[in-house]
Amino acid sequence: MKKFSTKILDEAIKKEDDECENIRIQRLQRLNKIFEILAHELIFKNAYIFGSITKPGKYKMNSDVDIAFSGLDDKFFFKTAVFISREL
């Protein structure tokens, strides 16, 4: 059986992985700014980011962003979610 090169595929995968990692880092930086803005608008104790966005190499183009808040009044949940979605 003849072997074939996967060089082009490997390069394409590497390029996409690098792009995803850059987006991951940019989104984390943007989330920090968003949390600063929210801290002036709403009362909450802490904001937690978890999931694939916190793990280098795991965040992909179709990944979501997992966020949890402690101390955020339930009545502000949707307002907060919409704000984050728009700003991110």
C-alpha atoms as a PDB file:
ATOM      1  CA  MET A   1       0.000   0.000   0.000  1.00  0.00           C
ATOM      2  CA  LYS A   2       1.293   3.413  -0.973  1.00  0.00           C
ATOM      3  CA  LYS A   3       1.776   5.990   1.780  1.00  0.00           C
ATOM      4  CA  PHE A   4       0.688   9.553   1.190  1.00  0.00           C
ATOM      5  CA  SER A   5       1.670  12.825   2.775  1.00  0.00           C
ATOM      6  CA  THR A   6      -0.678  14.577   5.194  1.00  0.00           C
ATOM      7  CA  LYS A   7       1.486  17.694   5.263  1.00  0.00           C
ATOM      8  CA  ILE A   8      -1.170  19.998   3.767  1.00  0.00           C
ATOM      9  CA  LEU A   9      -3.854  18.685   6.125  1.00  0.00           C
ATOM     10  CA  ASP A  10      -1.504  18.939   9.105  1.00  0.00           C
ATOM     11  CA  GLU A  11      -0.684  22.550   8.190  1.00  0.00           C
ATOM     12  CA  ALA A  12      -4.385  23.427   7.839  1.00  0.00           C
ATOM     13  CA  ILE A  13      -5.183  21.882  11.220  1.00  0.00           C
ATOM     14  CA  LYS A  14      -2.266  23.715  12.839  1.00  0.00           C
ATOM     15  CA  LYS A  15      -3.401  27.008  11.301  1.00  0.00           C
ATOM     16  CA  GLU A  16      -6.959  26.553  12.594  1.00  0.00           C
ATOM     17  CA  ASP A  17      -5.691  25.545  16.044  1.00  0.00           C
ATOM     18  CA  ASP A  18      -3.506  28.665  16.168  1.00  0.00           C
ATOM     19  CA  GLU A  19      -6.456  30.853  15.127  1.00  0.00           C
ATOM     20  CA  CYS A  20      -8.635  29.297  17.820  1.00  0.00           C
ATOM     21  CA  GLU A  21      -5.961  29.884  20.442  1.00  0.00           C
ATOM     22  CA  ASN A  22      -5.662  33.549  19.432  1.00  0.00           C
ATOM     23  CA  ILE A  23      -9.446  33.951  19.623  1.00  0.00           C
ATOM     24  CA  ARG A  24      -9.465  32.213  23.024  1.00  0.00           C
ATOM     25  CA  ILE A  25      -6.888  34.639  24.413  1.00  0.00           C
ATOM     26  CA  GLN A  26      -8.691  37.666  22.938  1.00  0.00           C
ATOM     27  CA  ARG A  27     -12.009  36.538  24.407  1.00  0.00           C
ATOM     28  CA  LEU A  28     -10.490  36.018  27.854  1.00  0.00           C
ATOM     29  CA  GLN A  29      -9.045  39.525  27.723  1.00  0.00           C
ATOM     30  CA  ARG A  30     -12.391  40.895  26.548  1.00  0.00           C
ATOM     31  CA  LEU A  31     -14.226  39.056  29.333  1.00  0.00           C
ATOM     32  CA  ASN A  32     -12.030  40.730  31.928  1.00  0.00           C
ATOM     33  CA  LYS A  33     -13.034  44.129  30.535  1.00  0.00           C
ATOM     34  CA  ILE A  34     -16.697  43.092  30.395  1.00  0.00           C
ATOM     35  CA  PHE A  35     -16.585  42.028  34.047  1.00  0.00           C
ATOM     36  CA  GLU A  36     -15.077  45.385  34.986  1.00  0.00           C
ATOM     37  CA  ILE A  37     -17.942  47.169  33.235  1.00  0.00           C
ATOM     38  CA  LEU A  38     -20.529  44.907  34.859  1.00  0.00           C
ATOM     39  CA  ALA A  39     -19.000  45.489  38.292  1.00  0.00           C
ATOM     40  CA  HIS A  40     -19.902  49.179  37.934  1.00  0.00           C
ATOM     41  CA  GLU A  41     -23.441  48.381  36.775  1.00  0.00           C
ATOM     42  CA  LEU A  42     -24.493  45.387  38.878  1.00  0.00           C
ATOM     43  CA  ILE A  43     -23.799  43.861  42.243  1.00  0.00           C
ATOM     44  CA  PHE A  44     -22.199  40.415  42.286  1.00  0.00           C
ATOM     45  CA  LYS A  45     -19.477  38.778  44.367  1.00  0.00           C
ATOM     46  CA  ASN A  46     -17.515  36.859  41.767  1.00  0.00           C
ATOM     47  CA  ALA A  47     -17.560  35.890  38.120  1.00  0.00           C
ATOM     48  CA  TYR A  48     -16.119  32.542  37.112  1.00  0.00           C
ATOM     49  CA  ILE A  49     -14.985  31.478  33.659  1.00  0.00           C
ATOM     50  CA  PHE A  50     -14.712  27.735  33.111  1.00  0.00           C
ATOM     51  CA  GLY A  51     -14.761  25.138  30.378  1.00  0.00           C
ATOM     52  CA  SER A  52     -12.759  24.913  27.169  1.00  0.00           C
ATOM     53  CA  ILE A  53     -11.960  28.627  27.058  1.00  0.00           C
ATOM     54  CA  THR A  54      -9.776  28.181  30.155  1.00  0.00           C
ATOM     55  CA  LYS A  55      -7.735  25.366  28.573  1.00  0.00           C
ATOM     56  CA  PRO A  56      -5.118  26.101  25.912  1.00  0.00           C
ATOM     57  CA  GLY A  57      -5.711  24.005  22.817  1.00  0.00           C
ATOM     58  CA  LYS A  58      -9.262  23.010  23.746  1.00  0.00           C
ATOM     59  CA  TYR A  59     -11.228  26.069  22.561  1.00  0.00           C
ATOM     60  CA  LYS A  60     -12.619  25.665  19.031  1.00  0.00           C
ATOM     61  CA  MET A  61     -14.501  27.954  16.654  1.00  0.00           C
ATOM     62  CA  ASN A  62     -17.868  26.541  17.740  1.00  0.00           C
ATOM     63  CA  SER A  63     -17.086  26.488  21.484  1.00  0.00           C
ATOM     64  CA  ASP A  64     -19.311  28.341  23.879  1.00  0.00           C
ATOM     65  CA  VAL A  65     -18.127  30.442  26.804  1.00  0.00           C
ATOM     66  CA  ASP A  66     -19.056  29.140  30.241  1.00  0.00           C
ATOM     67  CA  ILE A  67     -19.556  31.802  32.916  1.00  0.00           C
ATOM     68  CA  ALA A  68     -20.990  31.596  36.415  1.00  0.00           C
ATOM     69  CA  PHE A  69     -21.721  34.393  38.856  1.00  0.00           C
ATOM     70  CA  SER A  70     -22.021  34.320  42.610  1.00  0.00           C
ATOM     71  CA  GLY A  71     -24.064  36.980  44.314  1.00  0.00           C
ATOM     72  CA  LEU A  72     -25.854  38.144  41.156  1.00  0.00           C
ATOM     73  CA  ASP A  73     -29.538  38.852  41.743  1.00  0.00           C
ATOM     74  CA  ASP A  74     -31.688  36.529  39.608  1.00  0.00           C
ATOM     75  CA  LYS A  75     -33.612  39.472  38.180  1.00  0.00           C
ATOM     76  CA  PHE A  76     -30.410  40.595  36.403  1.00  0.00           C
ATOM     77  CA  PHE A  77     -29.576  37.228  34.878  1.00  0.00           C
ATOM     78  CA  PHE A  78     -30.935  37.878  31.365  1.00  0.00           C
ATOM     79  CA  LYS A  79     -29.717  41.475  31.286  1.00  0.00           C
ATOM     80  CA  THR A  80     -26.230  40.214  32.161  1.00  0.00           C
ATOM     81  CA  ALA A  81     -26.323  37.371  29.626  1.00  0.00           C
ATOM     82  CA  VAL A  82     -27.441  39.687  26.833  1.00  0.00           C
ATOM     83  CA  PHE A  83     -24.782  42.268  27.701  1.00  0.00           C
ATOM     84  CA  ILE A  84     -22.018  39.657  27.690  1.00  0.00           C
ATOM     85  CA  SER A  85     -23.230  38.164  24.407  1.00  0.00           C
ATOM     86  CA  ARG A  86     -23.306  41.558  22.707  1.00  0.00           C
ATOM     87  CA  GLU A  87     -19.941  42.669  24.035  1.00  0.00           C
ATOM     88  CA  LEU A  88     -18.108  39.429  23.437  1.00  0.00           C
END
